[in-house]
PDB file of N, CA and C in Angstrom:
ATOM      1  N   MET A   1       0.840  -1.173   0.000  1.00  0.00           N
ATOM      2  CA  MET A   1       0.000   0.000   0.000  1.00  0.00           C
ATOM      3  C   MET A   1       0.891   1.244   0.000  1.00  0.00           C
ATOM      4  N   GLU A   2       0.704   2.092  -0.976  1.00  0.00           N
ATOM      5  CA  GLU A   2       1.499   3.301  -1.087  1.00  0.00           C
ATOM      6  C   GLU A   2       0.685   4.487  -0.568  1.00  0.00           C
ATOM      7  N   ILE A   3       1.320   5.295   0.270  1.00  0.00           N
ATOM      8  CA  ILE A   3       0.645   6.441   0.886  1.00  0.00           C
ATOM      9  C   ILE A   3       1.039   7.701   0.131  1.00  0.00           C
ATOM     10  N   ASP A   4       0.044   8.450  -0.295  1.00  0.00           N
ATOM     11  CA  ASP A   4       0.285   9.721  -0.973  1.00  0.00           C
ATOM     12  C   ASP A   4       0.720  10.755   0.060  1.00  0.00           C
ATOM     13  N   ILE A   5       1.900  11.348  -0.142  1.00  0.00           N
ATOM     14  CA  ILE A   5       2.464  12.280   0.829  1.00  0.00           C
ATOM     15  C   ILE A   5       1.613  13.548   0.957  1.00  0.00           C
ATOM     16  N   GLY A   6       0.978  13.972  -0.126  1.00  0.00           N
ATOM     17  CA  GLY A   6       0.119  15.154  -0.064  1.00  0.00           C
ATOM     18  C   GLY A   6      -1.084  14.935   0.823  1.00  0.00           C
ATOM     19  N   ILE A   7      -1.710  13.778   0.694  1.00  0.00           N
ATOM     20  CA  ILE A   7      -2.861  13.434   1.543  1.00  0.00           C
ATOM     21  C   ILE A   7      -2.419  13.321   2.996  1.00  0.00           C
ATOM     22  N   LEU A   8      -1.269  12.706   3.211  1.00  0.00           N
ATOM     23  CA  LEU A   8      -0.744  12.559   4.569  1.00  0.00           C
ATOM     24  C   LEU A   8      -0.513  13.927   5.208  1.00  0.00           C
ATOM     25  N   LEU A   9       0.089  14.845   4.475  1.00  0.00           N
ATOM     26  CA  LEU A   9       0.333  16.191   5.005  1.00  0.00           C
ATOM     27  C   LEU A   9      -0.971  16.937   5.263  1.00  0.00           C
ATOM     28  N   LEU A  10      -1.950  16.757   4.394  1.00  0.00           N
ATOM     29  CA  LEU A  10      -3.246  17.404   4.582  1.00  0.00           C
ATOM     30  C   LEU A  10      -3.932  16.900   5.845  1.00  0.00           C
ATOM     31  N   TYR A  11      -4.002  15.593   6.013  1.00  0.00           N
ATOM     32  CA  TYR A  11      -4.645  15.017   7.197  1.00  0.00           C
ATOM     33  C   TYR A  11      -3.904  15.407   8.470  1.00  0.00           C
ATOM     34  N   ALA A  12      -2.574  15.396   8.422  1.00  0.00           N
ATOM     35  CA  ALA A  12      -1.783  15.777   9.595  1.00  0.00           C
ATOM     36  C   ALA A  12      -2.003  17.252   9.928  1.00  0.00           C
ATOM     37  N   SER A  13      -2.079  18.086   8.913  1.00  0.00           N
ATOM     38  CA  SER A  13      -2.293  19.523   9.137  1.00  0.00           C
ATOM     39  C   SER A  13      -3.653  19.780   9.780  1.00  0.00           C
ATOM     40  N   ILE A  14      -4.684  19.109   9.281  1.00  0.00           N
ATOM     41  CA  ILE A  14      -6.023  19.253   9.848  1.00  0.00           C
ATOM     42  C   ILE A  14      -6.023  18.824  11.316  1.00  0.00           C
ATOM     43  N   THR A  15      -5.375  17.706  11.603  1.00  0.00           N
ATOM     44  CA  THR A  15      -5.359  17.176  12.958  1.00  0.00           C
ATOM     45  C   THR A  15      -4.599  18.099  13.907  1.00  0.00           C
ATOM     46  N   ILE A  16      -3.425  18.538  13.504  1.00  0.00           N
ATOM     47  CA  ILE A  16      -2.612  19.395  14.367  1.00  0.00           C
ATOM     48  C   ILE A  16      -3.267  20.756  14.568  1.00  0.00           C
ATOM     49  N   LEU A  17      -3.787  21.330  13.491  1.00  0.00           N
ATOM     50  CA  LEU A  17      -4.441  22.630  13.609  1.00  0.00           C
ATOM     51  C   LEU A  17      -5.674  22.553  14.505  1.00  0.00           C
ATOM     52  N   SER A  18      -6.466  21.511  14.360  1.00  0.00           N
ATOM     53  CA  SER A  18      -7.662  21.403  15.204  1.00  0.00           C
ATOM     54  C   SER A  18      -7.284  21.170  16.661  1.00  0.00           C
ATOM     55  N   LEU A  19      -6.192  20.470  16.922  1.00  0.00           N
ATOM     56  CA  LEU A  19      -5.730  20.274  18.295  1.00  0.00           C
ATOM     57  C   LEU A  19      -5.276  21.599  18.905  1.00  0.00           C
ATOM     58  N   ILE A  20      -4.528  22.389  18.148  1.00  0.00           N
ATOM     59  CA  ILE A  20      -4.064  23.691  18.633  1.00  0.00           C
ATOM     60  C   ILE A  20      -5.252  24.621  18.882  1.00  0.00           C
ATOM     61  N   LEU A  21      -6.197  24.652  17.944  1.00  0.00           N
ATOM     62  CA  LEU A  21      -7.357  25.525  18.108  1.00  0.00           C
ATOM     63  C   LEU A  21      -8.257  25.069  19.257  1.00  0.00           C
ATOM     64  N   LEU A  22      -8.367  23.767  19.458  1.00  0.00           N
ATOM     65  CA  LEU A  22      -9.136  23.248  20.594  1.00  0.00           C
ATOM     66  C   LEU A  22      -8.509  23.701  21.905  1.00  0.00           C
ATOM     67  N   ALA A  23      -7.205  23.587  22.012  1.00  0.00           N
ATOM     68  CA  ALA A  23      -6.520  24.022  23.234  1.00  0.00           C
ATOM     69  C   ALA A  23      -6.698  25.524  23.454  1.00  0.00           C
ATOM     70  N   ALA A  24      -6.582  26.303  22.388  1.00  0.00           N
ATOM     71  CA  ALA A  24      -6.723  27.761  22.515  1.00  0.00           C
ATOM     72  C   ALA A  24      -8.138  28.157  22.941  1.00  0.00           C
ATOM     73  N   THR A  25      -9.137  27.503  22.371  1.00  0.00           N
ATOM     74  CA  THR A  25     -10.509  27.858  22.743  1.00  0.00           C
ATOM     75  C   THR A  25     -10.860  27.365  24.142  1.00  0.00           C
ATOM     76  N   LEU A  26     -10.261  26.249  24.567  1.00  0.00           N
ATOM     77  CA  LEU A  26     -10.479  25.799  25.951  1.00  0.00           C
ATOM     78  C   LEU A  26      -9.919  26.809  26.941  1.00  0.00           C
ATOM     79  N   VAL A  27      -8.726  27.314  26.664  1.00  0.00           N
ATOM     80  CA  VAL A  27      -8.132  28.334  27.531  1.00  0.00           C
ATOM     81  C   VAL A  27      -8.993  29.598  27.514  1.00  0.00           C
ATOM     82  N   SER A  28      -9.479  29.982  26.340  1.00  0.00           N
ATOM     83  CA  SER A  28     -10.333  31.169  26.230  1.00  0.00           C
ATOM     84  C   SER A  28     -11.631  30.990  27.000  1.00  0.00           C
ATOM     85  N   TYR A  29     -12.216  29.799  26.932  1.00  0.00           N
ATOM     86  CA  TYR A  29     -13.460  29.553  27.656  1.00  0.00           C
ATOM     87  C   TYR A  29     -13.242  29.628  29.165  1.00  0.00           C
ATOM     88  N   VAL A  30     -12.144  29.054  29.635  1.00  0.00           N
ATOM     89  CA  VAL A  30     -11.857  29.079  31.074  1.00  0.00           C
ATOM     90  C   VAL A  30     -11.720  30.522  31.560  1.00  0.00           C
ATOM     91  N   LYS A  31     -11.132  31.379  30.746  1.00  0.00           N
ATOM     92  CA  LYS A  31     -10.950  32.776  31.144  1.00  0.00           C
ATOM     93  C   LYS A  31     -12.226  33.601  31.028  1.00  0.00           C
ATOM     94  N   SER A  32     -13.006  33.378  29.963  1.00  0.00           N
ATOM     95  CA  SER A  32     -14.138  34.273  29.696  1.00  0.00           C
ATOM     96  C   SER A  32     -15.505  33.706  30.059  1.00  0.00           C
ATOM     97  N   LYS A  33     -15.649  32.395  30.124  1.00  0.00           N
ATOM     98  CA  LYS A  33     -16.937  31.725  30.393  1.00  0.00           C
ATOM     99  C   LYS A  33     -18.015  32.088  29.360  1.00  0.00           C
ATOM    100  N   ASN A  34     -17.581  32.409  28.154  1.00  0.00           N
ATOM    101  CA  ASN A  34     -18.499  32.730  27.070  1.00  0.00           C
ATOM    102  C   ASN A  34     -19.122  31.431  26.551  1.00  0.00           C
ATOM    103  N   LYS A  35     -20.450  31.356  26.533  1.00  0.00           N
ATOM    104  CA  LYS A  35     -21.148  30.130  26.137  1.00  0.00           C
ATOM    105  C   LYS A  35     -20.897  29.752  24.673  1.00  0.00           C
ATOM    106  N   LYS A  36     -20.633  30.724  23.839  1.00  0.00           N
ATOM    107  CA  LYS A  36     -20.351  30.413  22.434  1.00  0.00           C
ATOM    108  C   LYS A  36     -19.109  29.550  22.290  1.00  0.00           C
ATOM    109  N   LEU A  37     -18.174  29.719  23.183  1.00  0.00           N
ATOM    110  CA  LEU A  37     -16.933  28.961  23.092  1.00  0.00           C
ATOM    111  C   LEU A  37     -17.136  27.471  23.383  1.00  0.00           C
ATOM    112  N   ILE A  38     -18.191  27.125  24.081  1.00  0.00           N
ATOM    113  CA  ILE A  38     -18.500  25.705  24.297  1.00  0.00           C
ATOM    114  C   ILE A  38     -18.774  25.039  22.946  1.00  0.00           C
ATOM    115  N   PHE A  39     -19.569  25.683  22.115  1.00  0.00           N
ATOM    116  CA  PHE A  39     -19.893  25.116  20.802  1.00  0.00           C
ATOM    117  C   PHE A  39     -18.670  25.118  19.889  1.00  0.00           C
ATOM    118  N   VAL A  40     -17.842  26.132  20.002  1.00  0.00           N
ATOM    119  CA  VAL A  40     -16.617  26.180  19.205  1.00  0.00           C
ATOM    120  C   VAL A  40     -15.672  25.061  19.647  1.00  0.00           C
ATOM    121  N   ASN A  41     -15.608  24.794  20.945  1.00  0.00           N
ATOM    122  CA  ASN A  41     -14.795  23.675  21.442  1.00  0.00           C
ATOM    123  C   ASN A  41     -15.295  22.348  20.887  1.00  0.00           C
ATOM    124  N   ILE A  42     -16.592  22.171  20.850  1.00  0.00           N
ATOM    125  CA  ILE A  42     -17.165  20.933  20.297  1.00  0.00           C
ATOM    126  C   ILE A  42     -16.802  20.801  18.818  1.00  0.00           C
ATOM    127  N   ILE A  43     -16.841  21.903  18.100  1.00  0.00           N
ATOM    128  CA  ILE A  43     -16.487  21.881  16.682  1.00  0.00           C
ATOM    129  C   ILE A  43     -15.053  21.417  16.500  1.00  0.00           C
ATOM    130  N   PHE A  44     -14.137  22.007  17.252  1.00  0.00           N
ATOM    131  CA  PHE A  44     -12.732  21.626  17.107  1.00  0.00           C
ATOM    132  C   PHE A  44     -12.483  20.202  17.580  1.00  0.00           C
ATOM    133  N   LEU A  45     -13.247  19.741  18.552  1.00  0.00           N
ATOM    134  CA  LEU A  45     -13.136  18.348  18.992  1.00  0.00           C
ATOM    135  C   LEU A  45     -13.571  17.398  17.877  1.00  0.00           C
ATOM    136  N   PHE A  46     -14.693  17.700  17.207  1.00  0.00           N
ATOM    137  CA  PHE A  46     -15.131  16.881  16.082  1.00  0.00           C
ATOM    138  C   PHE A  46     -14.098  16.882  14.958  1.00  0.00           C
ATOM    139  N   LEU A  47     -13.525  18.046  14.683  1.00  0.00           N
ATOM    140  CA  LEU A  47     -12.511  18.120  13.629  1.00  0.00           C
ATOM    141  C   LEU A  47     -11.254  17.345  14.014  1.00  0.00           C
ATOM    142  N   LEU A  48     -10.899  17.352  15.297  1.00  0.00           N
ATOM    143  CA  LEU A  48      -9.752  16.576  15.761  1.00  0.00           C
ATOM    144  C   LEU A  48     -10.012  15.079  15.604  1.00  0.00           C
ATOM    145  N   ILE A  49     -11.183  14.633  15.997  1.00  0.00           N
ATOM    146  CA  ILE A  49     -11.537  13.216  15.858  1.00  0.00           C
ATOM    147  C   ILE A  49     -11.548  12.819  14.389  1.00  0.00           C
ATOM    148  N   ARG A  50     -12.101  13.681  13.555  1.00  0.00           N
ATOM    149  CA  ARG A  50     -12.133  13.405  12.114  1.00  0.00           C
ATOM    150  C   ARG A  50     -10.720  13.294  11.554  1.00  0.00           C
ATOM    151  N   GLY A  51      -9.850  14.213  11.937  1.00  0.00           N
ATOM    152  CA  GLY A  51      -8.475  14.177  11.467  1.00  0.00           C
ATOM    153  C   GLY A  51      -7.741  12.931  11.931  1.00  0.00           C
ATOM    154  N   LEU A  52      -7.979  12.537  13.178  1.00  0.00           N
ATOM    155  CA  LEU A  52      -7.351  11.318  13.686  1.00  0.00           C
ATOM    156  C   LEU A  52      -7.834  10.081  12.936  1.00  0.00           C
ATOM    157  N   LEU A  53      -9.139  10.001  12.708  1.00  0.00           N
ATOM    158  CA  LEU A  53      -9.678   8.851  11.963  1.00  0.00           C
ATOM    159  C   LEU A  53      -9.119   8.782  10.546  1.00  0.00           C
ATOM    160  N   LEU A  54      -9.057   9.931   9.885  1.00  0.00           N
ATOM    161  CA  LEU A  54      -8.533   9.954   8.532  1.00  0.00           C
ATOM    162  C   LEU A  54      -7.052   9.596   8.512  1.00  0.00           C
ATOM    163  N   SER A  55      -6.289  10.082   9.482  1.00  0.00           N
ATOM    164  CA  SER A  55      -4.859   9.777   9.542  1.00  0.00           C
ATOM    165  C   SER A  55      -4.619   8.298   9.816  1.00  0.00           C
ATOM    166  N   ILE A  56      -5.356   7.752  10.753  1.00  0.00           N
ATOM    167  CA  ILE A  56      -5.206   6.332  11.074  1.00  0.00           C
ATOM    168  C   ILE A  56      -5.591   5.467   9.889  1.00  0.00           C
ATOM    169  N   SER A  57      -6.594   5.889   9.127  1.00  0.00           N
ATOM    170  CA  SER A  57      -7.039   5.089   7.984  1.00  0.00           C
ATOM    171  C   SER A  57      -5.966   4.976   6.901  1.00  0.00           C
ATOM    172  N   LEU A  58      -5.006   5.892   6.896  1.00  0.00           N
ATOM    173  CA  LEU A  58      -3.915   5.796   5.921  1.00  0.00           C
ATOM    174  C   LEU A  58      -2.958   4.657   6.242  1.00  0.00           C
ATOM    175  N   PHE A  59      -2.810   4.332   7.523  1.00  0.00           N
ATOM    176  CA  PHE A  59      -1.819   3.356   7.943  1.00  0.00           C
ATOM    177  C   PHE A  59      -2.390   1.987   8.287  1.00  0.00           C
ATOM    178  N   VAL A  60      -3.678   1.916   8.513  1.00  0.00           N
ATOM    179  CA  VAL A  60      -4.316   0.640   8.859  1.00  0.00           C
ATOM    180  C   VAL A  60      -5.203   0.232   7.690  1.00  0.00           C
ATOM    181  N   PRO A  61      -4.778  -0.768   6.922  1.00  0.00           N
ATOM    182  CA  PRO A  61      -5.537  -1.146   5.720  1.00  0.00           C
ATOM    183  C   PRO A  61      -6.986  -1.544   5.990  1.00  0.00           C
ATOM    184  N   SER A  62      -7.261  -2.106   7.146  1.00  0.00           N
ATOM    185  CA  SER A  62      -8.642  -2.522   7.429  1.00  0.00           C
ATOM    186  C   SER A  62      -9.560  -1.330   7.668  1.00  0.00           C
ATOM    187  N   LEU A  63      -8.995  -0.142   7.843  1.00  0.00           N
ATOM    188  CA  LEU A  63      -9.804   1.061   8.053  1.00  0.00           C
ATOM    189  C   LEU A  63      -9.823   1.974   6.829  1.00  0.00           C
ATOM    190  N   SER A  64      -9.467   1.447   5.684  1.00  0.00           N
ATOM    191  CA  SER A  64      -9.403   2.279   4.476  1.00  0.00           C
ATOM    192  C   SER A  64     -10.786   2.735   4.012  1.00  0.00           C
ATOM    193  N   TRP A  65     -11.848   2.181   4.564  1.00  0.00           N
ATOM    194  CA  TRP A  65     -13.214   2.571   4.202  1.00  0.00           C
ATOM    195  C   TRP A  65     -13.625   3.874   4.873  1.00  0.00           C
ATOM    196  N   ILE A  66     -12.892   4.347   5.866  1.00  0.00           N
ATOM    197  CA  ILE A  66     -13.299   5.526   6.637  1.00  0.00           C
ATOM    198  C   ILE A  66     -13.439   6.783   5.791  1.00  0.00           C
ATOM    199  N   PRO A  67     -12.463   7.150   4.931  1.00  0.00           N
ATOM    200  CA  PRO A  67     -12.620   8.406   4.181  1.00  0.00           C
ATOM    201  C   PRO A  67     -13.858   8.460   3.289  1.00  0.00           C
ATOM    202  N   SER A  68     -14.318   7.314   2.808  1.00  0.00           N
ATOM    203  CA  SER A  68     -15.478   7.316   1.931  1.00  0.00           C
ATOM    204  C   SER A  68     -16.778   7.005   2.664  1.00  0.00           C
ATOM    205  N   ASN A  69     -16.695   6.817   3.958  1.00  0.00           N
ATOM    206  CA  ASN A  69     -17.860   6.447   4.738  1.00  0.00           C
ATOM    207  C   ASN A  69     -18.748   7.663   5.006  1.00  0.00           C
ATOM    208  N   GLY A  70     -20.021   7.428   5.109  1.00  0.00           N
ATOM    209  CA  GLY A  70     -20.977   8.493   5.374  1.00  0.00           C
ATOM    210  C   GLY A  70     -20.830   9.112   6.753  1.00  0.00           C
ATOM    211  N   TYR A  71     -20.208   8.384   7.687  1.00  0.00           N
ATOM    212  CA  TYR A  71     -20.041   8.932   9.029  1.00  0.00           C
ATOM    213  C   TYR A  71     -19.163  10.181   9.024  1.00  0.00           C
ATOM    214  N   ILE A  72     -18.193  10.233   8.147  1.00  0.00           N
ATOM    215  CA  ILE A  72     -17.344  11.430   8.047  1.00  0.00           C
ATOM    216  C   ILE A  72     -18.204  12.616   7.629  1.00  0.00           C
ATOM    217  N   TRP A  73     -19.143  12.380   6.715  1.00  0.00           N
ATOM    218  CA  TRP A  73     -20.021  13.469   6.264  1.00  0.00           C
ATOM    219  C   TRP A  73     -20.996  13.869   7.355  1.00  0.00           C
ATOM    220  N   VAL A  74     -21.411  12.927   8.177  1.00  0.00           N
ATOM    221  CA  VAL A  74     -22.267  13.258   9.316  1.00  0.00           C
ATOM    222  C   VAL A  74     -21.482  14.138  10.287  1.00  0.00           C
ATOM    223  N   GLY A  75     -20.213  13.834  10.468  1.00  0.00           N
ATOM    224  CA  GLY A  75     -19.357  14.673  11.303  1.00  0.00           C
ATOM    225  C   GLY A  75     -19.265  16.087  10.765  1.00  0.00           C
ATOM    226  N   ASP A  76     -19.135  16.219   9.450  1.00  0.00           N
ATOM    227  CA  ASP A  76     -19.102  17.554   8.841  1.00  0.00           C
ATOM    228  C   ASP A  76     -20.429  18.281   9.047  1.00  0.00           C
ATOM    229  N   LEU A  77     -21.517  17.543   8.956  1.00  0.00           N
ATOM    230  CA  LEU A  77     -22.825  18.141   9.195  1.00  0.00           C
ATOM    231  C   LEU A  77     -22.941  18.629  10.637  1.00  0.00           C
ATOM    232  N   LEU A  78     -22.433  17.852  11.582  1.00  0.00           N
ATOM    233  CA  LEU A  78     -22.450  18.271  12.981  1.00  0.00           C
ATOM    234  C   LEU A  78     -21.593  19.517  13.199  1.00  0.00           C
ATOM    235  N   VAL A  79     -20.453  19.587  12.524  1.00  0.00           N
ATOM    236  CA  VAL A  79     -19.603  20.775  12.622  1.00  0.00           C
ATOM    237  C   VAL A  79     -20.370  22.002  12.139  1.00  0.00           C
ATOM    238  N   LEU A  80     -21.042  21.876  11.015  1.00  0.00           N
ATOM    239  CA  LEU A  80     -21.826  23.001  10.495  1.00  0.00           C
ATOM    240  C   LEU A  80     -22.961  23.378  11.441  1.00  0.00           C
ATOM    241  N   LEU A  81     -23.609  22.380  12.015  1.00  0.00           N
ATOM    242  CA  LEU A  81     -24.688  22.643  12.962  1.00  0.00           C
ATOM    243  C   LEU A  81     -24.175  23.403  14.187  1.00  0.00           C
ATOM    244  N   PHE A  82     -23.058  22.967  14.740  1.00  0.00           N
ATOM    245  CA  PHE A  82     -22.510  23.652  15.902  1.00  0.00           C
ATOM    246  C   PHE A  82     -21.974  25.039  15.551  1.00  0.00           C
ATOM    247  N   LEU A  83     -21.488  25.230  14.338  1.00  0.00           N
ATOM    248  CA  LEU A  83     -21.098  26.574  13.901  1.00  0.00           C
ATOM    249  C   LEU A  83     -22.310  27.502  13.879  1.00  0.00           C
ATOM    250  N   TYR A  84     -23.418  26.982  13.366  1.00  0.00           N
ATOM    251  CA  TYR A  84     -24.647  27.773  13.343  1.00  0.00           C
ATOM    252  C   TYR A  84     -25.099  28.112  14.760  1.00  0.00           C
ATOM    253  N   ILE A  85     -25.062  27.128  15.656  1.00  0.00           N
ATOM    254  CA  ILE A  85     -25.472  27.360  17.037  1.00  0.00           C
ATOM    255  C   ILE A  85     -24.553  28.380  17.705  1.00  0.00           C
ATOM    256  N   ALA A  86     -23.254  28.258  17.474  1.00  0.00           N
ATOM    257  CA  ALA A  86     -22.306  29.197  18.071  1.00  0.00           C
ATOM    258  C   ALA A  86     -22.545  30.609  17.562  1.00  0.00           C
ATOM    259  N   TYR A  87     -22.914  30.709  16.308  1.00  0.00           N
ATOM    260  CA  TYR A  87     -23.185  32.025  15.732  1.00  0.00           C
ATOM    261  C   TYR A  87     -24.489  32.616  16.263  1.00  0.00           C
ATOM    262  N   SER A  88     -25.484  31.778  16.501  1.00  0.00           N
ATOM    263  CA  SER A  88     -26.813  32.285  16.863  1.00  0.00           C
ATOM    264  C   SER A  88     -27.016  32.438  18.373  1.00  0.00           C
ATOM    265  N   VAL A  89     -26.177  31.830  19.187  1.00  0.00           N
ATOM    266  CA  VAL A  89     -26.335  31.937  20.641  1.00  0.00           C
ATOM    267  C   VAL A  89     -25.916  33.322  21.096  1.00  0.00           C
ATOM    268  N   LYS A  90     -26.776  33.916  21.912  1.00  0.00           N
ATOM    269  CA  LYS A  90     -26.431  35.229  22.454  1.00  0.00           C
ATOM    270  C   LYS A  90     -25.539  35.045  23.670  1.00  0.00           C
ATOM    271  N   ARG A  91     -24.726  36.020  23.917  1.00  0.00           N
ATOM    272  CA  ARG A  91     -23.812  35.943  25.038  1.00  0.00           C
ATOM    273  C   ARG A  91     -24.595  36.032  26.291  1.00  0.00           C
TER     274      ARG A  91
END
């Protein structure tokens, strides 16, 4: 099984960026107690899980079905839903 380096870098970038943003928003929430940040934290958590699943699927042949699975799209739908909630929630 040959791994495309571009895909690997993309998945790694998504995972690392979502981890950094999750940590930053957690620190921001602890300081400000802004309710919108709870939904933003959930969004970054979903993106982190998605990135981890996609990254693992590159190295474990039995999980190669993950990128094409509908569950990844459900995760994207949840991210969009929580973005909408974060935008519409009043402080």
